[in-house]
Protein backbone atom coordinates (compact mmCIF):
# COMPACT_ATOMS: atom_id res chain seq x y z
CA UNK A 1 13.05 13.40 1.90
CA UNK A 2 10.71 10.43 1.52
CA UNK A 3 11.17 6.77 2.22
CA UNK A 4 12.38 5.86 -1.27
CA UNK A 5 14.85 8.66 -1.37
CA UNK A 6 16.08 7.74 2.24
CA UNK A 7 16.59 4.11 1.22
CA UNK A 8 18.43 5.03 -1.97
CA UNK A 9 20.81 7.38 0.02
CA UNK A 10 21.54 4.71 2.57
CA UNK A 11 22.17 2.08 -0.16
CA UNK A 12 24.51 4.55 -1.92
CA UNK A 13 26.41 5.32 1.31
CA UNK A 14 26.76 1.70 2.51
CA UNK A 15 27.44 0.11 -0.88
CA UNK A 16 24.56 -2.29 -0.50
CA UNK A 17 21.66 -2.77 -2.92
CA UNK A 18 18.47 -0.76 -2.73
CA UNK A 19 16.48 -3.95 -2.22
CA UNK A 20 18.69 -5.14 0.73
CA UNK A 21 18.73 -1.65 2.23
CA UNK A 22 14.96 -1.39 1.88
CA UNK A 23 14.49 -4.73 3.74
CA UNK A 24 16.82 -3.53 6.56
CA UNK A 25 14.91 -0.27 6.97
CA UNK A 26 11.64 -2.18 7.12
CA UNK A 27 13.11 -4.55 9.75
CA UNK A 28 14.36 -1.57 11.80
CA UNK A 29 10.94 0.22 11.71
CA UNK A 30 9.23 -3.06 12.71
CA UNK A 31 11.60 -3.61 15.61
CA UNK A 32 11.07 0.01 16.75
CA UNK A 33 7.25 -0.24 16.55
CA UNK A 34 7.22 -3.59 18.51
CA UNK A 35 9.49 -2.23 21.29
CA UNK A 36 7.50 0.94 21.55
CA UNK A 37 4.22 -1.02 21.75
CA UNK A 38 5.71 -3.05 24.62
CA UNK A 39 6.21 0.29 26.45
CA UNK A 40 10.03 0.33 26.06
CA UNK A 41 12.01 3.56 25.62
CA UNK A 42 14.44 3.55 22.68
CA UNK A 43 17.51 5.57 23.36
CA UNK A 44 20.28 6.29 20.79
CA UNK A 45 23.45 7.98 21.88
CA UNK A 46 24.15 11.24 20.09
CA UNK A 47 20.75 11.12 18.38
CA UNK A 48 17.93 11.03 21.05
CA UNK A 49 15.16 8.98 22.71
CA UNK A 50 11.82 7.68 21.53
CA UNK A 51 9.07 6.90 24.14
CA UNK A 52 5.32 6.35 24.24
CA UNK A 53 3.27 8.76 26.33
CA UNK A 54 -0.40 8.63 27.19
CA UNK A 55 -2.36 11.83 26.35
CA UNK A 56 -5.14 12.15 28.87
CA UNK A 57 -8.78 12.49 27.81
CA UNK A 58 -9.77 16.10 27.31
CA UNK A 59 -12.74 18.27 26.47
CA UNK A 60 -12.66 20.03 23.12
CA UNK A 61 -14.99 22.77 21.87
CA UNK A 62 -16.08 23.13 18.24
CA UNK A 63 -15.53 26.84 17.55
CA UNK A 64 -18.46 27.01 15.01
CA UNK A 65 -21.15 25.34 17.05
CA UNK A 66 -19.75 25.73 20.62
CA UNK A 67 -20.51 21.98 21.11
CA UNK A 68 -18.33 20.37 23.63
CA UNK A 69 -16.78 16.92 22.84
CA UNK A 70 -14.86 14.41 24.93
CA UNK A 71 -11.62 13.46 23.12
CA UNK A 72 -10.58 10.02 24.39
CA UNK A 73 -7.05 9.17 25.75
CA UNK A 74 -4.51 8.02 23.34
CA UNK A 75 -0.86 6.90 23.09
CA UNK A 76 1.60 8.99 21.01
CA UNK A 77 5.20 8.53 20.31
CA UNK A 78 7.44 11.32 21.59
CA UNK A 79 10.99 12.10 20.51
CA UNK A 80 13.51 14.00 22.65
CA UNK A 81 16.72 14.93 20.74
CA UNK A 82 20.06 14.46 22.52
CA UNK A 83 22.22 17.41 23.48
CA UNK A 84 24.68 16.36 20.69
CA UNK A 85 21.97 16.57 18.03
CA UNK A 86 20.68 19.87 19.31
CA UNK A 87 24.10 21.22 19.12
CA UNK A 88 24.35 20.58 15.32
CA UNK A 89 21.33 22.85 14.70
CA UNK A 90 22.51 25.94 16.59
């Protein structure tokens, strides 16, 4: 499912227009991104939690040339599903 299909499904289920639903989804994603950039954890009951983790720098080896490279540290968003969500997929 892509973004356009997701917005269309939400609009259909909520009875709102596709335009209004698209604006709402954009606003929600913007708030998520802003809160995660601030270092906050986002927790949604019966769904899961989003948090930003820092991956440490590491050394990687090119398998063809055996050249070693230093991969710099970076921030990644991690999702941990709730027990209720995991239960739905058993």
